[in-house]
N, C-alpha and C. Protein backbone atom coordinates (compact mmCIF):
# COMPACT_ATOMS: atom_id res chain seq x y z
N MET A 1 -114.20 30.74 57.24
CA MET A 1 -113.78 31.94 56.58
C MET A 1 -114.70 32.30 55.42
N LEU A 2 -115.02 31.26 54.64
CA LEU A 2 -115.87 31.53 53.48
C LEU A 2 -117.25 32.00 53.89
N THR A 3 -117.72 31.58 55.06
CA THR A 3 -119.04 32.03 55.49
C THR A 3 -119.04 33.54 55.69
N ARG A 4 -117.95 34.10 56.18
CA ARG A 4 -117.87 35.56 56.34
C ARG A 4 -117.77 36.25 55.00
N ILE A 5 -117.03 35.67 54.07
CA ILE A 5 -116.94 36.25 52.73
C ILE A 5 -118.31 36.18 52.06
N ASP A 6 -118.94 35.02 52.14
CA ASP A 6 -120.27 34.85 51.53
C ASP A 6 -121.30 35.80 52.14
N ALA A 7 -121.12 36.15 53.41
CA ALA A 7 -122.03 37.08 54.08
C ALA A 7 -121.75 38.53 53.71
N GLY A 8 -120.70 38.76 52.92
CA GLY A 8 -120.41 40.12 52.47
C GLY A 8 -119.48 40.91 53.38
N ARG A 9 -118.81 40.24 54.31
CA ARG A 9 -117.88 40.95 55.20
C ARG A 9 -116.73 41.55 54.39
N ASP A 10 -116.31 42.75 54.79
CA ASP A 10 -115.15 43.40 54.20
C ASP A 10 -113.93 42.51 54.45
N HIS A 11 -113.16 42.24 53.39
CA HIS A 11 -112.00 41.37 53.52
C HIS A 11 -110.94 41.73 52.49
N VAL A 12 -109.74 41.23 52.72
CA VAL A 12 -108.65 41.34 51.75
C VAL A 12 -108.24 39.93 51.34
N ASN A 13 -107.74 39.85 50.12
CA ASN A 13 -107.24 38.59 49.56
C ASN A 13 -108.29 37.48 49.56
N GLY A 14 -109.44 37.80 49.02
CA GLY A 14 -110.51 36.82 48.93
C GLY A 14 -110.13 35.59 48.13
N ASN A 15 -109.09 35.71 47.30
CA ASN A 15 -108.61 34.55 46.53
C ASN A 15 -107.38 33.92 47.17
N ALA A 16 -107.17 34.18 48.46
CA ALA A 16 -106.02 33.59 49.16
C ALA A 16 -106.04 32.07 49.10
N ASN A 17 -107.22 31.46 49.11
CA ASN A 17 -107.31 30.00 49.08
C ASN A 17 -106.65 29.43 47.83
N THR A 18 -106.87 30.08 46.69
CA THR A 18 -106.25 29.63 45.44
C THR A 18 -104.74 29.77 45.54
N ARG A 19 -104.28 30.89 46.07
CA ARG A 19 -102.84 31.11 46.20
C ARG A 19 -102.21 30.12 47.18
N ILE A 20 -102.91 29.83 48.26
CA ILE A 20 -102.41 28.85 49.24
C ILE A 20 -102.26 27.48 48.58
N SER A 21 -103.24 27.09 47.78
CA SER A 21 -103.17 25.81 47.06
C SER A 21 -101.96 25.78 46.13
N LEU A 22 -101.74 26.86 45.39
CA LEU A 22 -100.59 26.94 44.48
C LEU A 22 -99.27 26.87 45.25
N LEU A 23 -99.21 27.58 46.34
CA LEU A 23 -98.00 27.60 47.16
C LEU A 23 -97.74 26.22 47.78
N ALA A 24 -98.79 25.58 48.28
CA ALA A 24 -98.63 24.24 48.86
C ALA A 24 -98.13 23.26 47.81
N LYS A 25 -98.66 23.34 46.60
CA LYS A 25 -98.20 22.45 45.53
C LYS A 25 -96.72 22.70 45.23
N ALA A 26 -96.34 23.97 45.15
CA ALA A 26 -94.93 24.29 44.88
C ALA A 26 -94.03 23.78 46.00
N CYS A 27 -94.48 23.91 47.23
CA CYS A 27 -93.69 23.39 48.36
C CYS A 27 -93.57 21.88 48.28
N ARG A 28 -94.67 21.22 48.03
CA ARG A 28 -94.63 19.75 47.91
C ARG A 28 -93.70 19.32 46.78
N ASP A 29 -93.84 19.99 45.63
CA ASP A 29 -93.00 19.66 44.48
C ASP A 29 -91.53 19.95 44.75
N GLY A 30 -91.26 20.97 45.58
CA GLY A 30 -89.89 21.34 45.92
C GLY A 30 -89.36 20.70 47.17
N ASN A 31 -90.09 19.71 47.70
CA ASN A 31 -89.68 18.99 48.91
C ASN A 31 -89.55 19.91 50.13
N VAL A 32 -90.44 20.88 50.21
CA VAL A 32 -90.52 21.78 51.36
C VAL A 32 -91.71 21.32 52.20
N SER A 33 -91.49 21.13 53.49
CA SER A 33 -92.55 20.64 54.37
C SER A 33 -93.76 21.57 54.37
N VAL A 34 -94.94 20.97 54.36
CA VAL A 34 -96.19 21.70 54.49
C VAL A 34 -96.81 21.27 55.82
N ILE A 35 -97.08 22.24 56.68
CA ILE A 35 -97.66 21.98 58.00
C ILE A 35 -98.97 22.75 58.08
N HIS A 36 -99.99 22.11 58.59
CA HIS A 36 -101.32 22.71 58.67
C HIS A 36 -101.65 23.07 60.12
N ILE A 37 -102.18 24.26 60.31
CA ILE A 37 -102.62 24.71 61.62
C ILE A 37 -104.11 25.00 61.51
N ARG A 38 -104.87 24.41 62.39
CA ARG A 38 -106.33 24.64 62.37
C ARG A 38 -106.78 25.13 63.72
N HIS A 39 -107.69 26.08 63.69
CA HIS A 39 -108.23 26.64 64.93
C HIS A 39 -109.37 25.75 65.41
N ARG A 40 -109.39 25.50 66.71
CA ARG A 40 -110.45 24.68 67.29
C ARG A 40 -110.94 25.36 68.56
N ASP A 41 -112.24 25.49 68.68
CA ASP A 41 -112.86 26.09 69.87
C ASP A 41 -113.99 25.17 70.29
N MET A 42 -113.90 24.64 71.49
CA MET A 42 -114.88 23.66 71.94
C MET A 42 -116.13 24.28 72.56
N LYS A 43 -116.19 25.62 72.62
CA LYS A 43 -117.39 26.26 73.15
C LYS A 43 -118.55 26.04 72.18
N PRO A 44 -119.70 25.59 72.69
CA PRO A 44 -120.86 25.40 71.81
C PRO A 44 -121.22 26.71 71.09
N GLY A 45 -121.45 26.61 69.81
CA GLY A 45 -121.83 27.77 69.02
C GLY A 45 -120.67 28.57 68.47
N ALA A 46 -119.44 28.27 68.88
CA ALA A 46 -118.27 28.99 68.39
C ALA A 46 -118.06 28.68 66.91
N ILE A 47 -117.52 29.66 66.14
CA ILE A 47 -117.36 29.44 64.70
C ILE A 47 -116.31 28.37 64.39
N PHE A 48 -115.41 28.09 65.33
CA PHE A 48 -114.41 27.05 65.11
C PHE A 48 -114.68 25.80 65.93
N HIS A 49 -115.91 25.64 66.40
CA HIS A 49 -116.30 24.40 67.06
C HIS A 49 -116.27 23.31 65.98
N PRO A 50 -115.82 22.10 66.31
CA PRO A 50 -115.72 21.05 65.28
C PRO A 50 -117.00 20.80 64.49
N ASN A 51 -118.16 21.08 65.06
CA ASN A 51 -119.42 20.86 64.35
C ASN A 51 -119.90 22.08 63.56
N ALA A 52 -119.20 23.21 63.68
CA ALA A 52 -119.61 24.43 62.99
C ALA A 52 -119.27 24.35 61.51
N LYS A 53 -120.11 24.99 60.71
CA LYS A 53 -119.93 24.99 59.27
C LYS A 53 -118.55 25.54 58.88
N GLY A 54 -118.11 26.59 59.54
CA GLY A 54 -116.85 27.23 59.20
C GLY A 54 -115.62 26.54 59.73
N ALA A 55 -115.78 25.47 60.49
CA ALA A 55 -114.63 24.80 61.09
C ALA A 55 -114.01 23.74 60.19
N LYS A 56 -114.70 23.36 59.16
CA LYS A 56 -114.17 22.32 58.27
C LYS A 56 -113.01 22.89 57.46
N PRO A 57 -111.96 22.09 57.26
CA PRO A 57 -110.82 22.57 56.47
C PRO A 57 -111.25 22.88 55.04
N LEU A 58 -110.72 23.98 54.53
CA LEU A 58 -110.95 24.32 53.13
C LEU A 58 -110.09 23.40 52.26
N PRO A 59 -110.44 23.25 50.99
CA PRO A 59 -109.63 22.37 50.11
C PRO A 59 -108.14 22.73 50.13
N CYS A 60 -107.81 24.01 50.26
CA CYS A 60 -106.40 24.40 50.28
C CYS A 60 -105.69 23.96 51.55
N ASP A 61 -106.43 23.52 52.57
CA ASP A 61 -105.85 23.14 53.86
C ASP A 61 -105.96 21.65 54.13
N LEU A 62 -106.23 20.87 53.11
CA LEU A 62 -106.32 19.43 53.31
C LEU A 62 -104.91 18.83 53.31
N ALA A 63 -104.59 18.13 54.38
CA ALA A 63 -103.26 17.52 54.50
C ALA A 63 -103.15 16.33 53.56
N ARG A 64 -101.96 16.14 53.07
CA ARG A 64 -101.67 15.00 52.21
C ARG A 64 -100.57 14.15 52.83
N GLY A 65 -100.69 12.87 52.65
CA GLY A 65 -99.65 11.96 53.14
C GLY A 65 -99.34 12.15 54.60
N ASP A 66 -98.08 12.41 54.88
CA ASP A 66 -97.65 12.53 56.27
C ASP A 66 -97.53 13.98 56.74
N GLU A 67 -98.19 14.91 56.07
CA GLU A 67 -98.15 16.31 56.50
C GLU A 67 -98.78 16.45 57.88
N MET A 68 -98.11 17.20 58.73
CA MET A 68 -98.57 17.39 60.10
C MET A 68 -99.74 18.37 60.15
N VAL A 69 -100.67 18.08 61.05
CA VAL A 69 -101.82 18.96 61.32
C VAL A 69 -101.83 19.23 62.82
N PHE A 70 -101.83 20.50 63.18
CA PHE A 70 -101.90 20.90 64.58
C PHE A 70 -103.19 21.65 64.82
N GLN A 71 -103.83 21.35 65.93
CA GLN A 71 -105.07 22.02 66.34
C GLN A 71 -104.72 23.04 67.41
N LYS A 72 -105.01 24.30 67.15
CA LYS A 72 -104.70 25.34 68.13
C LYS A 72 -105.98 25.88 68.74
N SER A 73 -105.86 26.35 69.96
CA SER A 73 -107.01 26.97 70.61
C SER A 73 -106.76 28.43 70.90
N GLY A 74 -105.53 28.88 70.74
CA GLY A 74 -105.17 30.29 70.94
C GLY A 74 -104.87 30.94 69.61
N SER A 75 -104.37 32.16 69.66
CA SER A 75 -104.10 32.90 68.44
C SER A 75 -102.87 32.38 67.70
N SER A 76 -101.80 32.11 68.42
CA SER A 76 -100.57 31.65 67.80
C SER A 76 -100.60 30.15 67.55
N ALA A 77 -99.99 29.73 66.45
CA ALA A 77 -99.89 28.31 66.15
C ALA A 77 -99.01 27.57 67.16
N PHE A 78 -98.23 28.30 67.94
CA PHE A 78 -97.37 27.69 68.95
C PHE A 78 -98.10 27.49 70.27
N SER A 79 -99.17 28.20 70.47
CA SER A 79 -99.89 28.18 71.74
C SER A 79 -100.71 26.90 71.88
N GLY A 80 -100.34 26.07 72.86
CA GLY A 80 -101.10 24.86 73.13
C GLY A 80 -100.92 23.75 72.12
N THR A 81 -99.89 23.85 71.27
CA THR A 81 -99.63 22.80 70.29
C THR A 81 -98.21 22.27 70.48
N ASP A 82 -97.89 21.22 69.77
CA ASP A 82 -96.55 20.65 69.79
C ASP A 82 -95.74 21.11 68.58
N LEU A 83 -96.13 22.24 67.99
CA LEU A 83 -95.48 22.73 66.77
C LEU A 83 -93.98 22.95 66.97
N GLN A 84 -93.59 23.63 68.03
CA GLN A 84 -92.17 23.92 68.23
C GLN A 84 -91.35 22.64 68.32
N ASN A 85 -91.85 21.66 69.05
CA ASN A 85 -91.15 20.39 69.18
C ASN A 85 -91.02 19.71 67.81
N HIS A 86 -92.09 19.74 67.04
CA HIS A 86 -92.04 19.15 65.69
C HIS A 86 -91.00 19.86 64.83
N LEU A 87 -90.99 21.18 64.85
CA LEU A 87 -90.04 21.94 64.03
C LEU A 87 -88.59 21.61 64.43
N MET A 88 -88.35 21.51 65.73
CA MET A 88 -87.00 21.20 66.21
C MET A 88 -86.57 19.81 65.74
N HIS A 89 -87.45 18.83 65.90
CA HIS A 89 -87.10 17.46 65.50
C HIS A 89 -86.95 17.31 63.98
N ALA A 90 -87.71 18.08 63.25
CA ALA A 90 -87.62 18.05 61.78
C ALA A 90 -86.52 18.96 61.25
N ARG A 91 -85.85 19.66 62.15
CA ARG A 91 -84.76 20.59 61.80
C ARG A 91 -85.23 21.66 60.82
N ILE A 92 -86.42 22.17 61.08
CA ILE A 92 -86.98 23.27 60.28
C ILE A 92 -86.67 24.57 61.00
N SER A 93 -85.99 25.48 60.31
CA SER A 93 -85.59 26.74 60.94
C SER A 93 -86.25 27.97 60.31
N ASP A 94 -86.88 27.78 59.17
CA ASP A 94 -87.53 28.89 58.48
C ASP A 94 -88.97 28.53 58.17
N LEU A 95 -89.86 29.47 58.43
CA LEU A 95 -91.29 29.24 58.23
C LEU A 95 -91.84 30.19 57.17
N ILE A 96 -92.72 29.66 56.36
CA ILE A 96 -93.50 30.45 55.40
C ILE A 96 -94.93 30.41 55.92
N ILE A 97 -95.49 31.58 56.20
CA ILE A 97 -96.82 31.63 56.81
C ILE A 97 -97.82 32.22 55.82
N CYS A 98 -98.92 31.50 55.66
CA CYS A 98 -100.04 31.97 54.87
C CYS A 98 -101.31 31.51 55.58
N GLY A 99 -102.45 31.96 55.14
CA GLY A 99 -103.71 31.54 55.76
C GLY A 99 -104.47 32.69 56.36
N ALA A 100 -105.13 32.41 57.48
CA ALA A 100 -105.97 33.42 58.10
C ALA A 100 -105.70 33.44 59.60
N GLU A 101 -105.89 34.43 60.11
CA GLU A 101 -106.33 35.73 59.65
C GLU A 101 -105.21 36.73 59.90
N THR A 102 -104.98 37.63 58.97
CA THR A 102 -103.81 38.51 59.00
C THR A 102 -103.57 39.15 60.37
N GLY A 103 -104.57 39.82 60.91
CA GLY A 103 -104.39 40.57 62.15
C GLY A 103 -104.40 39.73 63.40
N PHE A 104 -104.71 38.46 63.29
CA PHE A 104 -104.80 37.60 64.47
C PHE A 104 -103.79 36.46 64.37
N GLY A 105 -104.22 35.29 63.89
CA GLY A 105 -103.36 34.11 63.88
C GLY A 105 -102.07 34.27 63.11
N VAL A 106 -102.13 34.92 61.96
CA VAL A 106 -100.91 35.12 61.16
C VAL A 106 -99.92 35.98 61.93
N ALA A 107 -100.37 37.10 62.45
CA ALA A 107 -99.48 38.01 63.18
C ALA A 107 -98.96 37.36 64.46
N SER A 108 -99.83 36.71 65.21
CA SER A 108 -99.42 36.07 66.47
C SER A 108 -98.39 34.97 66.22
N THR A 109 -98.63 34.17 65.20
CA THR A 109 -97.71 33.09 64.88
C THR A 109 -96.37 33.63 64.40
N ALA A 110 -96.39 34.65 63.56
CA ALA A 110 -95.14 35.24 63.06
C ALA A 110 -94.31 35.82 64.20
N ARG A 111 -94.95 36.53 65.09
CA ARG A 111 -94.21 37.13 66.22
C ARG A 111 -93.65 36.06 67.15
N ALA A 112 -94.46 35.05 67.45
CA ALA A 112 -93.99 33.97 68.32
C ALA A 112 -92.82 33.24 67.66
N ALA A 113 -92.93 32.96 66.37
CA ALA A 113 -91.86 32.26 65.66
C ALA A 113 -90.58 33.08 65.68
N CYS A 114 -90.69 34.37 65.44
CA CYS A 114 -89.53 35.26 65.49
C CYS A 114 -88.91 35.24 66.88
N ASP A 115 -89.74 35.34 67.91
CA ASP A 115 -89.24 35.32 69.29
C ASP A 115 -88.52 34.01 69.61
N LEU A 116 -88.93 32.93 68.96
CA LEU A 116 -88.32 31.62 69.19
C LEU A 116 -87.09 31.38 68.31
N GLY A 117 -86.76 32.36 67.47
CA GLY A 117 -85.55 32.27 66.66
C GLY A 117 -85.73 31.73 65.25
N TYR A 118 -86.95 31.55 64.81
CA TYR A 118 -87.20 31.07 63.45
C TYR A 118 -87.13 32.21 62.46
N GLY A 119 -86.68 31.92 61.25
CA GLY A 119 -86.82 32.85 60.15
C GLY A 119 -88.27 32.79 59.69
N VAL A 120 -88.86 33.93 59.42
CA VAL A 120 -90.29 33.97 59.08
C VAL A 120 -90.49 34.74 57.78
N THR A 121 -91.28 34.16 56.88
CA THR A 121 -91.73 34.84 55.68
C THR A 121 -93.25 34.80 55.66
N ILE A 122 -93.85 35.96 55.49
CA ILE A 122 -95.30 36.07 55.34
C ILE A 122 -95.61 36.22 53.85
N VAL A 123 -96.55 35.44 53.37
CA VAL A 123 -96.96 35.52 51.96
C VAL A 123 -98.12 36.51 51.90
N GLU A 124 -97.78 37.75 51.59
CA GLU A 124 -98.71 38.87 51.71
C GLU A 124 -100.02 38.68 50.93
N ASP A 125 -99.96 38.05 49.78
CA ASP A 125 -101.17 37.88 48.98
C ASP A 125 -101.87 36.54 49.24
N ALA A 126 -101.37 35.78 50.21
CA ALA A 126 -101.98 34.49 50.56
C ALA A 126 -102.39 34.45 52.03
N VAL A 127 -102.64 35.63 52.57
CA VAL A 127 -103.21 35.73 53.92
C VAL A 127 -104.56 36.44 53.79
N LEU A 128 -105.53 35.88 54.43
CA LEU A 128 -106.89 36.40 54.38
C LEU A 128 -107.13 37.25 55.62
N GLY A 129 -107.78 38.38 55.43
CA GLY A 129 -108.06 39.25 56.56
C GLY A 129 -109.45 39.84 56.47
N PHE A 130 -110.02 40.13 57.62
CA PHE A 130 -111.35 40.71 57.71
C PHE A 130 -111.32 42.03 58.48
N ASP A 131 -112.40 42.77 58.34
CA ASP A 131 -112.56 44.03 59.04
C ASP A 131 -112.89 43.80 60.51
N LEU A 132 -112.92 44.89 61.25
CA LEU A 132 -113.43 44.90 62.62
C LEU A 132 -114.56 45.92 62.65
N PRO A 133 -115.76 45.50 62.25
CA PRO A 133 -116.85 46.47 62.09
C PRO A 133 -117.21 47.20 63.38
N ASP A 134 -117.10 46.54 64.51
CA ASP A 134 -117.43 47.20 65.77
C ASP A 134 -116.41 48.27 66.15
N SER A 135 -115.22 48.19 65.56
CA SER A 135 -114.18 49.17 65.83
C SER A 135 -114.02 50.17 64.69
N GLY A 136 -114.76 49.95 63.59
CA GLY A 136 -114.69 50.86 62.46
C GLY A 136 -113.38 50.78 61.69
N VAL A 137 -112.75 49.61 61.69
CA VAL A 137 -111.47 49.44 61.01
C VAL A 137 -111.67 48.49 59.83
N SER A 138 -111.24 48.93 58.65
CA SER A 138 -111.43 48.11 57.45
C SER A 138 -110.42 46.97 57.40
N ALA A 139 -110.75 45.99 56.59
CA ALA A 139 -109.85 44.85 56.39
C ALA A 139 -108.53 45.31 55.79
N GLN A 140 -108.59 46.26 54.86
CA GLN A 140 -107.36 46.75 54.22
C GLN A 140 -106.48 47.49 55.22
N GLN A 141 -107.08 48.29 56.09
CA GLN A 141 -106.30 48.99 57.12
C GLN A 141 -105.59 47.99 58.03
N ILE A 142 -106.31 46.98 58.48
CA ILE A 142 -105.72 45.97 59.36
C ILE A 142 -104.59 45.25 58.64
N HIS A 143 -104.84 44.86 57.40
CA HIS A 143 -103.83 44.15 56.61
C HIS A 143 -102.58 45.00 56.44
N ASP A 144 -102.75 46.25 56.02
CA ASP A 144 -101.60 47.11 55.76
C ASP A 144 -100.78 47.37 57.01
N VAL A 145 -101.44 47.66 58.11
CA VAL A 145 -100.72 47.93 59.37
C VAL A 145 -100.04 46.65 59.87
N THR A 146 -100.74 45.54 59.82
CA THR A 146 -100.16 44.28 60.31
C THR A 146 -98.94 43.90 59.49
N ILE A 147 -99.05 43.95 58.17
CA ILE A 147 -97.91 43.61 57.31
C ILE A 147 -96.77 44.59 57.56
N GLY A 148 -97.09 45.87 57.71
CA GLY A 148 -96.05 46.87 58.00
C GLY A 148 -95.33 46.59 59.31
N LEU A 149 -96.08 46.24 60.34
CA LEU A 149 -95.47 45.93 61.64
C LEU A 149 -94.61 44.67 61.56
N LEU A 150 -95.10 43.65 60.90
CA LEU A 150 -94.33 42.41 60.78
C LEU A 150 -93.06 42.64 59.96
N ARG A 151 -93.16 43.44 58.92
CA ARG A 151 -92.01 43.75 58.07
C ARG A 151 -90.93 44.51 58.85
N SER A 152 -91.33 45.23 59.89
CA SER A 152 -90.38 46.08 60.61
C SER A 152 -89.48 45.32 61.59
N GLY A 153 -89.47 44.02 61.55
CA GLY A 153 -88.54 43.32 62.41
C GLY A 153 -88.92 41.90 62.76
N PHE A 154 -90.07 41.45 62.30
CA PHE A 154 -90.50 40.09 62.65
C PHE A 154 -90.45 39.12 61.48
N ALA A 155 -90.60 39.62 60.26
CA ALA A 155 -90.72 38.72 59.12
C ALA A 155 -90.31 39.40 57.83
N ASP A 156 -89.90 38.57 56.88
CA ASP A 156 -89.76 39.01 55.50
C ASP A 156 -91.15 38.91 54.89
N ILE A 157 -91.43 39.76 53.93
CA ILE A 157 -92.73 39.74 53.26
C ILE A 157 -92.49 39.37 51.80
N SER A 158 -93.26 38.41 51.31
CA SER A 158 -93.11 37.97 49.93
C SER A 158 -94.48 37.78 49.30
N THR A 159 -94.48 37.29 48.07
CA THR A 159 -95.72 37.00 47.36
C THR A 159 -95.72 35.54 46.93
N THR A 160 -96.89 35.06 46.58
CA THR A 160 -97.01 33.69 46.11
C THR A 160 -96.13 33.45 44.90
N ALA A 161 -96.21 34.35 43.91
CA ALA A 161 -95.44 34.17 42.68
C ALA A 161 -93.94 34.14 42.94
N ALA A 162 -93.46 35.01 43.81
CA ALA A 162 -92.02 35.04 44.11
C ALA A 162 -91.57 33.74 44.77
N LEU A 163 -92.35 33.23 45.69
CA LEU A 163 -91.97 31.99 46.36
C LEU A 163 -92.07 30.79 45.43
N ILE A 164 -93.09 30.74 44.62
CA ILE A 164 -93.21 29.64 43.65
C ILE A 164 -92.01 29.65 42.72
N ASN A 165 -91.61 30.83 42.28
CA ASN A 165 -90.44 30.96 41.42
C ASN A 165 -89.19 30.48 42.14
N GLU A 166 -89.09 30.78 43.43
CA GLU A 166 -87.94 30.36 44.22
C GLU A 166 -87.87 28.84 44.35
N PHE A 167 -89.03 28.18 44.44
CA PHE A 167 -89.05 26.73 44.59
C PHE A 167 -88.93 25.98 43.28
N SER A 168 -89.13 26.67 42.16
CA SER A 168 -89.11 25.99 40.86
C SER A 168 -87.69 25.56 40.51
N PRO A 169 -87.57 24.38 39.89
CA PRO A 169 -86.25 23.93 39.46
C PRO A 169 -85.67 24.89 38.43
N ARG A 170 -84.42 25.09 38.51
CA ARG A 170 -83.75 26.02 37.59
C ARG A 170 -83.19 25.27 36.42
């Protein structure tokens, strides 16, 4: 992701990594499970090939202790992973989704989770999104439409600060 930002690609929430780190800390401190989903593509030269520069987890995505890490090859975190089974066994019924990319993995995962009966919250300021230059669509347009569509029946939309406040001891 950072390689695209460093290359000057149009994006939203360039500081999502900082917010994800803050949110993960609040979840850990509040005894809320943190689950990591990583994209993996075994095609040589793919940006998510294990040997590619962009495939390494960012500091905000480093698992700690017994936090689960799932490797996905499709758009949704449920596609080709054991995520649903893990959530059922852990009795997790509500998901907080942050990360990348708004119009792809975030949206696909939120819709799949909703279809499977999970409560879904998208952290609007902790999702990273990019443009589609070949289609002439800006990162902000994709972000706004995606968040609007998800808000219309698939997910609640929140912010990092609101969720951190919710997890803080009273």
